[in-house]
């Protein structure tokens, strides 16, 4: 996995803390930073965000992917556990640049990639999604 991740721009361009030697350590480190935010006040609507995917179902089947290694680099179920613990009703994510809008077990998962010019000019793309919270 380490060799694959070094080829991926998201990993190459990051400057990790020097004591985090592998992907597992990095995942645990960044997941721990979320822990204090997992108990929101009751009655509040919770929207969560992540760069990486919280669950593998948010990717198309491998046979439809341009990069066949993408599922191994896309995310972690730790994010799913954390957004559920926080009581999220909407989770906005990125990383894969694949438009997605799906509800699973009461949580809406949304990705509307706009980082690259071709994504902003995609033929037939719906208008930018406005999500109203409140």
N, C-alpha and C. Protein backbone atom coordinates (compact mmCIF):
# COMPACT_ATOMS: atom_id res chain seq x y z
N UNK A 1 0.83 -1.20 0.00
CA UNK A 1 0.00 0.00 0.00
C UNK A 1 0.87 1.25 0.00
N UNK A 2 1.95 1.24 0.75
CA UNK A 2 2.79 2.43 0.85
C UNK A 2 3.30 2.84 -0.54
N UNK A 3 3.70 1.87 -1.37
CA UNK A 3 4.19 2.19 -2.70
C UNK A 3 3.10 2.83 -3.57
N UNK A 4 1.88 2.31 -3.48
CA UNK A 4 0.77 2.86 -4.24
C UNK A 4 0.47 4.29 -3.79
N UNK A 5 0.41 4.50 -2.49
CA UNK A 5 0.04 5.83 -1.99
C UNK A 5 1.07 6.88 -2.38
N UNK A 6 2.33 6.51 -2.50
CA UNK A 6 3.35 7.49 -2.89
C UNK A 6 3.13 7.98 -4.32
N UNK A 7 2.45 7.19 -5.15
CA UNK A 7 2.19 7.60 -6.53
C UNK A 7 0.97 8.50 -6.62
N UNK A 8 0.17 8.59 -5.58
CA UNK A 8 -1.08 9.35 -5.60
C UNK A 8 -0.82 10.78 -5.16
N UNK A 9 -1.28 11.75 -5.92
CA UNK A 9 -0.98 13.16 -5.64
C UNK A 9 -1.41 13.59 -4.25
N UNK A 10 -2.56 13.11 -3.76
CA UNK A 10 -3.02 13.51 -2.43
C UNK A 10 -2.01 13.15 -1.36
N UNK A 11 -1.28 12.09 -1.56
CA UNK A 11 -0.30 11.65 -0.58
C UNK A 11 1.05 12.31 -0.84
N UNK A 12 1.45 12.43 -2.09
CA UNK A 12 2.76 13.02 -2.41
C UNK A 12 2.83 14.48 -1.99
N UNK A 13 1.74 15.20 -2.12
CA UNK A 13 1.76 16.64 -1.86
C UNK A 13 1.58 16.98 -0.39
N UNK A 14 1.26 16.01 0.42
CA UNK A 14 1.08 16.26 1.85
C UNK A 14 2.42 16.23 2.57
N UNK A 15 2.52 17.02 3.60
CA UNK A 15 3.69 17.01 4.48
C UNK A 15 3.22 16.45 5.81
N UNK A 16 3.51 15.17 6.04
CA UNK A 16 3.03 14.48 7.23
C UNK A 16 3.95 14.77 8.41
N UNK A 17 3.42 14.73 9.62
CA UNK A 17 4.30 14.80 10.79
C UNK A 17 5.35 13.69 10.69
N UNK A 18 6.56 13.99 11.06
CA UNK A 18 7.68 13.06 10.85
C UNK A 18 7.55 11.76 11.64
N UNK A 19 6.75 11.74 12.70
CA UNK A 19 6.63 10.52 13.49
C UNK A 19 5.53 9.58 12.97
N UNK A 20 4.87 9.96 11.88
CA UNK A 20 3.84 9.09 11.29
C UNK A 20 4.46 8.38 10.09
N UNK A 21 4.78 7.12 10.27
CA UNK A 21 5.58 6.41 9.29
C UNK A 21 4.79 5.69 8.20
N UNK A 22 3.54 5.34 8.46
CA UNK A 22 2.79 4.61 7.44
C UNK A 22 1.34 5.08 7.40
N UNK A 23 0.61 4.57 6.43
CA UNK A 23 -0.77 5.02 6.24
C UNK A 23 -1.65 4.72 7.45
N UNK A 24 -1.44 3.59 8.10
CA UNK A 24 -2.22 3.25 9.29
C UNK A 24 -2.02 4.24 10.41
N UNK A 25 -0.77 4.63 10.64
CA UNK A 25 -0.47 5.62 11.68
C UNK A 25 -1.09 6.98 11.34
N UNK A 26 -1.02 7.36 10.08
CA UNK A 26 -1.62 8.64 9.66
C UNK A 26 -3.13 8.61 9.86
N UNK A 27 -3.75 7.51 9.48
CA UNK A 27 -5.20 7.38 9.63
C UNK A 27 -5.60 7.50 11.10
N UNK A 28 -4.91 6.78 11.98
CA UNK A 28 -5.23 6.84 13.42
C UNK A 28 -5.01 8.25 13.96
N UNK A 29 -3.93 8.90 13.55
CA UNK A 29 -3.61 10.25 14.02
C UNK A 29 -4.73 11.24 13.66
N UNK A 30 -5.11 11.27 12.39
CA UNK A 30 -6.11 12.24 11.97
C UNK A 30 -7.49 11.89 12.48
N UNK A 31 -7.81 10.62 12.61
CA UNK A 31 -9.10 10.22 13.20
C UNK A 31 -9.19 10.69 14.65
N UNK A 32 -8.08 10.61 15.37
CA UNK A 32 -8.07 11.04 16.77
C UNK A 32 -8.37 12.54 16.90
N UNK A 33 -8.01 13.32 15.90
CA UNK A 33 -8.28 14.76 15.94
C UNK A 33 -9.78 15.06 15.91
N UNK A 34 -10.57 14.13 15.40
CA UNK A 34 -12.03 14.31 15.34
C UNK A 34 -12.73 13.98 16.64
N UNK A 35 -12.11 13.22 17.51
CA UNK A 35 -12.78 12.64 18.67
C UNK A 35 -13.53 13.67 19.53
N UNK A 36 -12.94 14.83 19.75
CA UNK A 36 -13.58 15.81 20.63
C UNK A 36 -14.85 16.41 20.02
N UNK A 37 -15.07 16.18 18.73
CA UNK A 37 -16.23 16.77 18.05
C UNK A 37 -17.36 15.77 17.82
N UNK A 38 -17.29 14.61 18.42
CA UNK A 38 -18.24 13.55 18.12
C UNK A 38 -19.48 13.56 19.01
N UNK A 39 -19.57 14.49 19.93
CA UNK A 39 -20.74 14.57 20.81
C UNK A 39 -21.35 15.97 20.73
N UNK A 40 -22.08 16.25 19.65
CA UNK A 40 -22.65 17.59 19.51
C UNK A 40 -23.80 17.80 20.49
N UNK A 41 -24.14 19.05 20.79
CA UNK A 41 -25.28 19.32 21.67
C UNK A 41 -26.56 18.72 21.08
N UNK A 42 -27.44 18.19 21.92
CA UNK A 42 -28.68 17.60 21.41
C UNK A 42 -29.54 18.61 20.67
N UNK A 43 -30.25 18.13 19.66
CA UNK A 43 -31.16 18.99 18.91
C UNK A 43 -30.54 19.73 17.75
N UNK A 44 -29.23 19.67 17.61
CA UNK A 44 -28.57 20.35 16.49
C UNK A 44 -28.48 19.42 15.29
N UNK A 45 -28.66 19.97 14.10
CA UNK A 45 -28.45 19.20 12.88
C UNK A 45 -26.95 19.18 12.61
N UNK A 46 -26.44 18.00 12.33
CA UNK A 46 -24.99 17.84 12.16
C UNK A 46 -24.67 17.56 10.70
N UNK A 47 -23.75 18.35 10.15
CA UNK A 47 -23.21 18.13 8.81
C UNK A 47 -21.73 17.86 8.99
N UNK A 48 -21.25 16.77 8.44
CA UNK A 48 -19.83 16.42 8.55
C UNK A 48 -19.17 16.51 7.18
N UNK A 49 -17.85 16.66 7.20
CA UNK A 49 -17.06 16.81 5.98
C UNK A 49 -15.81 15.96 6.10
N UNK A 50 -15.36 15.45 4.98
CA UNK A 50 -14.05 14.80 4.94
C UNK A 50 -13.53 14.87 3.51
N UNK A 51 -12.24 14.79 3.39
CA UNK A 51 -11.67 14.68 2.05
C UNK A 51 -11.88 13.26 1.54
N UNK A 52 -11.57 12.29 2.37
CA UNK A 52 -11.66 10.88 1.98
C UNK A 52 -13.06 10.33 2.18
N UNK A 53 -13.33 9.18 1.58
CA UNK A 53 -14.64 8.54 1.65
C UNK A 53 -14.80 7.80 2.97
N UNK A 54 -16.00 7.86 3.55
CA UNK A 54 -16.24 7.14 4.80
C UNK A 54 -16.70 5.70 4.60
N UNK A 55 -17.04 5.32 3.37
CA UNK A 55 -17.49 3.94 3.15
C UNK A 55 -17.27 3.56 1.69
N UNK A 56 -16.96 2.30 1.44
CA UNK A 56 -16.62 1.86 0.09
C UNK A 56 -17.78 1.92 -0.90
N UNK A 57 -19.02 1.89 -0.42
CA UNK A 57 -20.17 1.95 -1.32
C UNK A 57 -20.28 3.27 -2.07
N UNK A 58 -19.48 4.24 -1.69
CA UNK A 58 -19.52 5.55 -2.34
C UNK A 58 -18.61 5.61 -3.55
N UNK A 59 -18.17 4.46 -4.01
CA UNK A 59 -17.39 4.32 -5.24
C UNK A 59 -18.14 3.43 -6.21
N UNK A 60 -18.02 3.70 -7.50
CA UNK A 60 -18.59 2.76 -8.48
C UNK A 60 -17.82 1.43 -8.43
N UNK A 61 -18.36 0.38 -9.03
CA UNK A 61 -17.62 -0.88 -9.10
C UNK A 61 -16.26 -0.68 -9.79
N UNK A 62 -15.27 -1.45 -9.37
CA UNK A 62 -13.90 -1.30 -9.88
C UNK A 62 -13.86 -1.35 -11.40
N UNK A 63 -14.67 -2.19 -12.02
CA UNK A 63 -14.62 -2.32 -13.49
C UNK A 63 -14.94 -1.00 -14.19
N UNK A 64 -15.60 -0.07 -13.50
CA UNK A 64 -15.94 1.23 -14.09
C UNK A 64 -14.95 2.33 -13.72
N UNK A 65 -13.95 2.01 -12.93
CA UNK A 65 -12.99 3.02 -12.49
C UNK A 65 -11.82 3.13 -13.45
N UNK A 66 -11.39 4.33 -13.71
CA UNK A 66 -10.19 4.55 -14.52
C UNK A 66 -8.95 4.07 -13.76
N UNK A 67 -8.90 4.37 -12.47
CA UNK A 67 -7.78 3.96 -11.62
C UNK A 67 -8.24 2.79 -10.76
N UNK A 68 -7.83 1.60 -11.12
CA UNK A 68 -8.30 0.38 -10.46
C UNK A 68 -7.84 0.28 -9.01
N UNK A 69 -6.80 1.02 -8.64
CA UNK A 69 -6.30 1.00 -7.26
C UNK A 69 -7.06 1.97 -6.35
N UNK A 70 -7.95 2.76 -6.92
CA UNK A 70 -8.65 3.80 -6.15
C UNK A 70 -9.33 3.28 -4.88
N UNK A 71 -10.00 2.12 -4.89
CA UNK A 71 -10.63 1.68 -3.64
C UNK A 71 -9.66 1.51 -2.48
N UNK A 72 -8.42 1.16 -2.77
CA UNK A 72 -7.43 0.97 -1.70
C UNK A 72 -6.93 2.30 -1.14
N UNK A 73 -7.22 3.39 -1.82
CA UNK A 73 -6.71 4.70 -1.42
C UNK A 73 -7.82 5.70 -1.11
N UNK A 74 -9.04 5.24 -1.00
CA UNK A 74 -10.16 6.16 -0.98
C UNK A 74 -10.63 6.60 0.39
N UNK A 75 -10.39 5.83 1.41
CA UNK A 75 -10.91 6.25 2.70
C UNK A 75 -10.81 5.18 3.74
N UNK A 76 -11.61 5.36 4.79
CA UNK A 76 -11.56 4.46 5.92
C UNK A 76 -12.94 4.39 6.59
N UNK A 77 -13.28 3.21 7.06
CA UNK A 77 -14.54 3.05 7.79
C UNK A 77 -14.52 3.79 9.13
N UNK A 78 -13.34 4.21 9.58
CA UNK A 78 -13.27 5.04 10.80
C UNK A 78 -14.08 6.32 10.62
N UNK A 79 -14.01 6.90 9.42
CA UNK A 79 -14.80 8.11 9.16
C UNK A 79 -16.29 7.82 9.28
N UNK A 80 -16.72 6.69 8.75
CA UNK A 80 -18.14 6.32 8.85
C UNK A 80 -18.55 6.19 10.31
N UNK A 81 -17.74 5.50 11.11
CA UNK A 81 -18.07 5.34 12.53
C UNK A 81 -18.13 6.70 13.22
N UNK A 82 -17.22 7.60 12.86
CA UNK A 82 -17.20 8.91 13.49
C UNK A 82 -18.40 9.76 13.08
N UNK A 83 -18.75 9.77 11.81
CA UNK A 83 -19.88 10.61 11.41
C UNK A 83 -21.18 10.07 12.00
N UNK A 84 -21.27 8.75 12.18
CA UNK A 84 -22.45 8.17 12.83
C UNK A 84 -22.46 8.55 14.32
N UNK A 85 -21.30 8.50 14.96
CA UNK A 85 -21.22 8.88 16.38
C UNK A 85 -21.60 10.35 16.58
N UNK A 86 -21.27 11.18 15.60
CA UNK A 86 -21.58 12.60 15.69
C UNK A 86 -23.05 12.89 15.37
N UNK A 87 -23.76 11.91 14.85
CA UNK A 87 -25.17 12.11 14.51
C UNK A 87 -25.38 12.85 13.20
N UNK A 88 -24.45 12.71 12.27
CA UNK A 88 -24.54 13.42 11.00
C UNK A 88 -25.75 12.99 10.19
N UNK A 89 -26.39 13.98 9.57
CA UNK A 89 -27.47 13.68 8.63
C UNK A 89 -27.03 13.95 7.19
N UNK A 90 -25.91 14.67 7.04
CA UNK A 90 -25.34 14.98 5.73
C UNK A 90 -23.83 14.90 5.84
N UNK A 91 -23.21 14.14 4.94
CA UNK A 91 -21.75 14.07 4.91
C UNK A 91 -21.29 14.46 3.52
N UNK A 92 -20.43 15.46 3.46
CA UNK A 92 -19.88 15.96 2.21
C UNK A 92 -18.43 15.50 2.13
N UNK A 93 -18.08 14.87 1.01
CA UNK A 93 -16.74 14.30 0.88
C UNK A 93 -16.15 14.62 -0.49
N UNK A 94 -14.90 14.27 -0.68
CA UNK A 94 -14.21 14.53 -1.94
C UNK A 94 -13.33 13.37 -2.35
N UNK A 95 -12.14 13.67 -2.76
CA UNK A 95 -11.06 12.75 -3.10
C UNK A 95 -11.19 12.08 -4.46
N UNK A 96 -12.32 11.48 -4.77
CA UNK A 96 -12.40 10.67 -5.98
C UNK A 96 -12.76 11.45 -7.24
N UNK A 97 -13.29 12.64 -7.09
CA UNK A 97 -13.73 13.46 -8.22
C UNK A 97 -14.82 12.76 -9.03
N UNK A 98 -15.64 11.98 -8.34
CA UNK A 98 -16.78 11.29 -8.96
C UNK A 98 -18.05 11.85 -8.32
N UNK A 99 -18.91 12.52 -9.09
CA UNK A 99 -20.14 13.07 -8.50
C UNK A 99 -20.95 11.97 -7.82
N UNK A 100 -21.48 12.30 -6.64
CA UNK A 100 -22.24 11.30 -5.88
C UNK A 100 -23.27 11.99 -5.02
N UNK A 101 -24.45 11.41 -4.94
CA UNK A 101 -25.51 11.90 -4.08
C UNK A 101 -26.38 10.70 -3.73
N UNK A 102 -26.25 10.21 -2.51
CA UNK A 102 -26.95 8.99 -2.11
C UNK A 102 -27.26 9.03 -0.62
N UNK A 103 -28.42 8.51 -0.25
CA UNK A 103 -28.78 8.35 1.16
C UNK A 103 -28.60 6.89 1.53
N UNK A 104 -27.90 6.66 2.63
CA UNK A 104 -27.69 5.31 3.16
C UNK A 104 -27.97 5.36 4.65
N UNK A 105 -28.92 4.58 5.08
CA UNK A 105 -29.26 4.47 6.51
C UNK A 105 -29.41 5.83 7.19
N UNK A 106 -30.13 6.74 6.53
CA UNK A 106 -30.45 8.02 7.14
C UNK A 106 -29.42 9.12 6.98
N UNK A 107 -28.32 8.84 6.31
CA UNK A 107 -27.30 9.87 6.07
C UNK A 107 -27.21 10.11 4.57
N UNK A 108 -27.23 11.39 4.19
CA UNK A 108 -27.03 11.75 2.78
C UNK A 108 -25.54 11.98 2.56
N UNK A 109 -24.99 11.32 1.55
CA UNK A 109 -23.58 11.45 1.18
C UNK A 109 -23.53 12.22 -0.14
N UNK A 110 -22.73 13.29 -0.16
CA UNK A 110 -22.73 14.19 -1.30
C UNK A 110 -21.30 14.54 -1.71
N UNK A 111 -21.04 14.42 -3.01
CA UNK A 111 -19.78 14.90 -3.58
C UNK A 111 -20.13 15.58 -4.90
N UNK A 112 -19.67 16.80 -5.05
CA UNK A 112 -19.87 17.55 -6.28
C UNK A 112 -18.51 18.14 -6.66
N UNK A 113 -17.69 17.36 -7.35
CA UNK A 113 -16.32 17.80 -7.63
C UNK A 113 -16.26 19.00 -8.57
N UNK A 114 -15.50 19.98 -8.16
CA UNK A 114 -15.35 21.20 -8.94
C UNK A 114 -13.90 21.68 -8.99
N UNK A 115 -12.96 20.88 -8.54
CA UNK A 115 -11.58 21.33 -8.41
C UNK A 115 -10.90 21.59 -9.75
N UNK A 116 -11.19 20.76 -10.73
CA UNK A 116 -10.53 20.88 -12.02
C UNK A 116 -11.45 21.57 -13.02
N UNK A 117 -10.89 22.35 -13.95
CA UNK A 117 -11.73 23.05 -14.93
C UNK A 117 -12.69 22.12 -15.68
N UNK A 118 -12.24 20.93 -16.04
CA UNK A 118 -13.13 20.03 -16.79
C UNK A 118 -14.32 19.58 -15.94
N UNK A 119 -14.15 19.59 -14.61
CA UNK A 119 -15.27 19.23 -13.74
C UNK A 119 -16.32 20.34 -13.70
N UNK A 120 -15.86 21.56 -13.81
CA UNK A 120 -16.79 22.69 -13.80
C UNK A 120 -17.51 22.83 -15.14
N UNK A 121 -16.96 22.22 -16.19
CA UNK A 121 -17.56 22.32 -17.53
C UNK A 121 -18.19 21.00 -17.97
N UNK A 122 -18.29 20.04 -17.07
CA UNK A 122 -18.80 18.71 -17.41
C UNK A 122 -20.16 18.80 -18.10
N UNK A 123 -20.26 18.18 -19.25
CA UNK A 123 -21.52 18.19 -20.01
C UNK A 123 -22.62 17.50 -19.21
N UNK A 124 -23.76 18.16 -19.14
CA UNK A 124 -24.90 17.57 -18.48
C UNK A 124 -24.84 17.62 -16.96
N UNK A 125 -23.80 18.23 -16.41
CA UNK A 125 -23.71 18.30 -14.95
C UNK A 125 -24.83 19.18 -14.41
N UNK A 126 -25.41 18.74 -13.33
CA UNK A 126 -26.45 19.53 -12.69
C UNK A 126 -25.83 20.82 -12.18
N UNK A 127 -26.68 21.77 -11.89
CA UNK A 127 -26.19 23.00 -11.29
C UNK A 127 -25.51 22.68 -9.97
N UNK A 128 -24.66 23.58 -9.54
CA UNK A 128 -24.00 23.38 -8.25
C UNK A 128 -25.07 23.16 -7.20
N UNK A 129 -24.85 22.16 -6.38
CA UNK A 129 -25.84 21.81 -5.36
C UNK A 129 -25.75 22.77 -4.18
N UNK A 130 -26.86 23.34 -3.83
CA UNK A 130 -26.95 24.18 -2.65
C UNK A 130 -27.60 23.35 -1.56
N UNK A 131 -26.92 23.24 -0.45
CA UNK A 131 -27.44 22.47 0.67
C UNK A 131 -27.80 23.45 1.77
N UNK A 132 -29.07 23.49 2.12
CA UNK A 132 -29.53 24.39 3.16
C UNK A 132 -29.66 23.62 4.46
N UNK A 133 -29.03 24.13 5.50
CA UNK A 133 -29.06 23.49 6.81
C UNK A 133 -29.79 24.42 7.76
N UNK A 134 -30.79 23.87 8.44
CA UNK A 134 -31.42 24.72 9.43
C UNK A 134 -32.88 24.58 9.57
